[in-house]
Protein backbone atom coordinates (compact mmCIF):
# COMPACT_ATOMS: atom_id res chain seq x y z
CA MET A 1 5.21 18.19 2.68
CA THR A 2 5.62 20.82 -0.50
CA LYS A 3 3.59 21.05 -3.53
CA VAL A 4 4.32 18.78 -6.53
CA ASN A 5 1.51 19.44 -8.71
CA GLU A 6 -2.17 19.51 -8.67
CA LYS A 7 -2.64 16.25 -11.00
CA LEU A 8 -4.61 14.90 -8.33
CA SER A 9 -6.70 17.94 -7.79
CA GLY A 10 -10.88 16.73 -7.05
CA LYS A 11 -9.79 13.11 -6.33
CA THR A 12 -10.04 11.68 -3.14
CA ALA A 13 -7.51 8.83 -1.72
CA LEU A 14 -7.80 5.58 1.05
CA VAL A 15 -4.16 4.45 2.05
CA THR A 16 -4.70 1.79 4.50
CA GLY A 17 -1.70 1.54 7.38
CA GLY A 18 -0.97 5.34 6.19
CA SER A 19 0.87 6.32 9.80
CA ARG A 20 3.97 5.24 9.22
CA SER A 21 7.13 4.17 6.73
CA ILE A 22 6.05 3.86 2.69
CA GLY A 23 1.92 3.87 3.70
CA ALA A 24 2.77 7.83 4.86
CA ALA A 25 4.56 8.28 2.46
CA ILE A 26 2.12 7.59 -0.35
CA ALA A 27 -0.27 9.80 1.86
CA ARG A 28 1.83 12.90 1.91
CA ARG A 29 2.57 12.25 -1.75
CA LEU A 30 -1.09 12.22 -3.07
CA ALA A 31 -1.66 14.87 -1.19
CA ALA A 32 1.47 16.54 -2.85
CA ASP A 33 -0.70 16.00 -6.00
CA GLY A 34 -3.87 17.54 -5.26
CA ALA A 35 -5.41 14.63 -4.00
CA ALA A 36 -8.05 14.84 -0.33
CA VAL A 37 -6.74 11.52 1.40
CA ALA A 38 -7.83 9.68 4.06
CA ILE A 39 -5.56 7.06 5.91
CA THR A 40 -6.39 4.21 8.00
CA TYR A 41 -4.34 3.25 11.26
CA SER A 42 -4.68 0.17 13.80
CA ALA A 43 -1.93 0.89 16.58
CA SER A 44 -0.56 4.53 16.03
CA PRO A 45 -2.97 7.49 16.86
CA ASP A 46 -0.26 9.83 17.19
CA LYS A 47 1.60 9.06 13.83
CA ALA A 48 -2.01 9.10 12.31
CA ALA A 49 -2.27 12.30 13.81
CA ALA A 50 1.01 13.55 12.87
CA VAL A 51 0.58 12.78 9.15
CA VAL A 52 -2.99 14.40 8.95
CA LYS A 53 -1.64 17.75 10.77
CA GLU A 54 1.27 17.72 8.25
CA ILE A 55 -1.38 17.50 5.16
CA GLU A 56 -3.12 20.29 6.55
CA GLU A 57 -0.66 22.50 7.38
CA ALA A 58 0.23 22.37 3.73
CA GLY A 59 -3.09 23.54 2.25
CA GLY A 60 -4.27 19.84 2.23
CA ARG A 61 -7.11 17.76 3.14
CA ALA A 62 -6.92 14.55 5.40
CA ILE A 63 -8.34 12.71 7.92
CA ALA A 64 -7.22 9.37 9.91
CA ILE A 65 -9.32 6.08 10.78
CA HIS A 66 -8.73 3.74 13.23
CA ALA A 67 -9.20 0.62 11.25
CA ASP A 68 -7.33 -2.72 11.76
CA ALA A 69 -6.65 -4.07 8.38
CA GLY A 70 -7.90 -7.89 9.86
CA ASP A 71 -11.33 -6.74 10.66
CA PRO A 72 -13.48 -6.88 8.00
CA ALA A 73 -16.15 -4.96 9.50
CA ALA A 74 -13.72 -2.37 10.30
CA VAL A 75 -12.23 -2.14 7.18
CA ARG A 76 -15.83 -1.83 5.34
CA ALA A 77 -16.91 1.00 7.41
CA ALA A 78 -13.47 3.04 6.71
CA VAL A 79 -13.99 2.75 3.03
CA ALA A 80 -17.98 4.20 3.94
CA LYS A 81 -16.33 6.97 6.24
CA VAL A 82 -13.97 8.43 3.07
CA GLU A 83 -17.12 8.31 0.97
CA GLU A 84 -19.20 10.32 4.03
CA THR A 85 -16.90 12.90 4.37
CA PHE A 86 -15.38 13.63 0.82
CA GLY A 87 -17.87 12.26 -1.11
CA SER A 88 -16.15 10.19 -3.35
CA LEU A 89 -13.58 7.29 -3.40
CA ASP A 90 -10.99 7.51 -6.64
CA ILE A 91 -8.26 5.84 -5.64
CA LEU A 92 -7.57 3.13 -3.15
CA VAL A 93 -3.71 2.34 -2.04
CA ASN A 94 -3.77 -1.04 0.00
CA ASN A 95 -0.68 -0.99 1.96
CA ALA A 96 -1.55 -2.08 5.41
CA GLY A 97 0.57 -5.40 6.05
CA ILE A 98 1.95 -7.16 8.82
CA ALA A 99 5.74 -9.20 8.20
CA LEU A 100 5.28 -12.24 11.21
CA GLY A 101 7.39 -15.31 10.10
CA GLY A 102 9.78 -17.99 11.26
CA PRO A 103 10.78 -21.56 10.43
CA ILE A 104 7.86 -23.74 8.27
CA GLU A 105 7.68 -25.94 11.10
CA GLU A 106 7.54 -23.39 13.66
CA ILE A 107 4.88 -21.25 12.62
CA LYS A 108 2.24 -20.83 14.76
CA PHE A 109 -1.35 -21.59 13.51
CA GLU A 110 -2.15 -18.00 14.69
CA ASP A 111 -0.03 -15.91 13.37
CA TYR A 112 -1.05 -17.64 10.16
CA GLU A 113 -4.14 -16.72 10.38
CA ARG A 114 -3.63 -13.18 11.32
CA MET A 115 -1.31 -13.00 8.41
CA ILE A 116 -3.82 -14.00 5.97
CA ALA A 117 -6.10 -11.95 7.73
CA VAL A 118 -4.18 -8.22 7.48
CA ASN A 119 -2.77 -9.14 4.24
CA VAL A 120 -5.11 -10.87 2.11
CA THR A 121 -8.77 -10.64 3.64
CA GLY A 122 -7.80 -6.84 4.21
CA VAL A 123 -6.78 -6.49 0.73
CA PHE A 124 -10.35 -8.18 -0.55
CA VAL A 125 -12.49 -6.49 1.41
CA ALA A 126 -10.93 -2.76 0.64
CA THR A 127 -11.03 -3.77 -2.84
CA GLN A 128 -14.41 -5.02 -2.82
CA GLU A 129 -15.61 -1.93 -1.18
CA ALA A 130 -13.88 0.33 -3.21
CA ALA A 131 -14.73 -1.43 -6.48
CA ARG A 132 -18.69 -0.92 -5.31
CA LYS A 133 -18.44 2.87 -5.11
CA MET A 134 -15.56 3.74 -7.82
CA LYS A 135 -16.40 5.48 -10.82
CA PRO A 136 -14.66 5.24 -14.30
CA GLY A 137 -11.15 6.57 -14.11
CA GLY A 138 -10.91 4.22 -10.44
CA ARG A 139 -7.82 3.47 -9.56
CA ILE A 140 -6.60 0.83 -7.11
CA ILE A 141 -3.37 -0.43 -5.95
CA HIS A 142 -1.60 -3.11 -4.04
CA ILE A 143 1.73 -2.77 -1.57
CA GLY A 144 3.26 -6.19 -2.81
CA SER A 145 6.86 -7.62 -2.24
CA SER A 146 9.67 -8.21 -4.61
CA MET A 147 9.85 -11.07 -2.39
CA PHE A 148 7.05 -12.50 -4.71
CA ARG A 149 9.50 -13.37 -7.11
CA TYR A 150 12.41 -14.01 -5.30
CA ALA A 151 13.16 -14.97 -2.24
CA ALA A 152 16.18 -13.48 -0.86
CA PHE A 153 16.65 -15.40 2.58
CA PRO A 154 14.80 -18.15 4.95
CA THR A 155 11.93 -17.74 7.57
CA ALA A 156 10.11 -15.64 5.22
CA SER A 157 7.56 -18.35 3.31
CA LEU A 158 4.95 -17.09 5.64
CA TYR A 159 5.16 -13.99 4.30
CA THR A 160 5.77 -14.73 0.85
CA LEU A 161 2.76 -16.51 0.55
CA THR A 162 0.65 -13.56 1.13
CA LYS A 163 2.12 -11.28 -1.13
CA GLY A 164 1.94 -13.99 -3.58
CA ALA A 165 -1.76 -14.13 -3.39
CA VAL A 166 -1.93 -10.32 -3.98
CA ALA A 167 -0.05 -10.72 -6.85
CA GLY A 168 -2.39 -12.92 -8.13
CA PHE A 169 -5.54 -11.18 -7.14
CA ASN A 170 -4.17 -7.67 -8.93
CA ARG A 171 -3.99 -9.87 -12.59
CA SER A 172 -7.36 -11.60 -11.88
CA LEU A 173 -8.95 -8.31 -11.16
CA VAL A 174 -8.10 -6.62 -14.56
CA ARG A 175 -10.87 -8.43 -15.80
CA ASP A 176 -13.57 -7.44 -13.37
CA LEU A 177 -12.49 -3.89 -13.15
CA GLY A 178 -11.29 -3.21 -16.66
CA PRO A 179 -14.67 -2.93 -18.69
CA LYS A 180 -15.61 -0.15 -15.90
CA GLY A 181 -13.08 2.13 -16.34
CA ILE A 182 -10.50 0.97 -13.20
CA THR A 183 -7.42 -0.09 -13.28
CA VAL A 184 -5.81 -2.24 -10.97
CA ASN A 185 -1.95 -2.74 -10.46
CA THR A 186 0.66 -3.29 -7.63
CA VAL A 187 4.06 -2.28 -6.70
CA HIS A 188 6.35 -4.80 -5.46
CA PRO A 189 9.15 -2.72 -2.82
CA GLY A 190 12.06 -4.06 -2.77
CA PRO A 191 14.19 -3.85 0.78
CA THR A 192 13.12 -0.15 2.17
CA ASP A 193 14.00 1.14 4.83
CA THR A 194 10.91 1.16 6.76
CA ASP A 195 9.92 0.37 10.82
CA MET A 196 9.52 -3.34 9.96
CA ASN A 197 12.89 -3.75 7.87
CA PRO A 198 15.17 -0.90 8.86
CA ASP A 199 18.75 0.36 6.83
CA GLY A 200 20.86 -1.45 9.21
CA GLY A 201 18.70 -3.77 10.72
CA PRO A 202 19.65 -7.48 10.97
CA VAL A 203 18.04 -8.04 7.61
CA SER A 204 19.88 -5.38 5.52
CA LYS A 205 23.29 -7.37 6.53
CA VAL A 206 21.58 -10.33 4.53
CA VAL A 207 20.24 -8.35 1.38
CA GLY A 208 22.51 -5.27 1.63
CA PRO A 209 25.23 -7.38 -0.90
CA GLY A 210 22.54 -7.67 -3.53
CA MET A 211 21.69 -4.11 -3.92
CA ALA A 212 22.22 -3.18 -7.61
CA ILE A 213 22.54 0.53 -6.64
CA GLY A 214 24.38 -0.21 -3.29
CA ARG A 215 21.86 0.96 -0.87
CA TYR A 216 18.31 0.23 0.20
CA GLY A 217 14.99 2.25 -0.95
CA ARG A 218 13.92 5.04 0.68
CA ASP A 219 9.87 5.39 0.94
CA TYR A 220 9.10 8.27 -0.53
CA GLU A 221 10.71 6.31 -3.76
CA ILE A 222 7.84 3.99 -3.34
CA ALA A 223 5.75 6.59 -3.08
CA SER A 224 6.31 7.97 -6.53
CA VAL A 225 5.66 5.05 -7.98
CA VAL A 226 2.03 4.55 -6.20
CA ALA A 227 1.58 8.56 -7.52
CA TYR A 228 2.86 8.15 -11.24
CA LEU A 229 -0.08 4.83 -10.79
CA ALA A 230 -3.03 7.17 -9.38
CA SER A 231 -2.24 10.03 -11.90
CA PRO A 232 -4.07 10.38 -15.32
CA GLU A 233 -0.83 9.10 -17.27
CA ALA A 234 -1.46 5.70 -16.50
CA ALA A 235 -4.55 5.07 -17.60
CA PHE A 236 -3.32 2.46 -19.39
CA VAL A 237 -1.83 0.65 -16.90
CA THR A 238 -3.27 -2.09 -15.55
CA GLY A 239 -2.48 -5.73 -14.22
CA ALA A 240 1.08 -4.81 -13.52
CA ASP A 241 3.70 -5.96 -11.36
CA ILE A 242 5.59 -2.94 -10.93
CA VAL A 243 9.29 -4.23 -8.69
CA ALA A 244 10.83 -1.31 -7.31
CA ASP A 245 13.83 -2.99 -6.03
CA GLY A 246 16.65 -1.19 -6.94
CA GLY A 247 17.63 -3.99 -8.75
CA PHE A 248 17.89 -6.72 -6.26
CA THR A 249 16.08 -9.08 -8.11
CA ALA A 250 17.12 -7.86 -11.38
């Protein structure tokens, strides 16, 4: 990790699900831009520790917090821990998410409940807690999915349901938080090389031909969009659904 600039110097960010893939790339980028960064993780302590170590070795400040995004009490405690450690919370990136699915007739109800708990309830709880603590200039950024507007293949209806909920939540939040000087935006990645959807994996064989630029996205490319929204330059951007998908849904 190298320093990009110091646009976020003095700011504190919380990235949920920040131990790997897009979440880790976001944490590294916000730290490179000068923010103190907290990440949450559920089942990847070694990877979380590696992200923190990388940030610290580059001269930044970071902590990892064990918190299952589907556990409201754990999410609330994580937000409190950030404020306790760094003294403030200026940027929340709701990145934690899971993907369970299958044909609609075969989806288990417990899988539905788990997806809602992590992808929707976790976002709501983290946002609510952050909004209670943020001062004017705060940033809330959700990570959605380009599938909220274009379902490229079957068996993803449950995942798309949760990401559609986040998009709707985003648009309404601007009316609540705009008067407080807090912006709220959603970044919708398209097919991106991650642990859940690796370039060259089974999904890529289906969606790859539809990529206008001829390749999967990279996690750091999504992180760059988040970094812009977290920066002072994005003070007039709120309520936006920014699709970063290489033209997949164009």
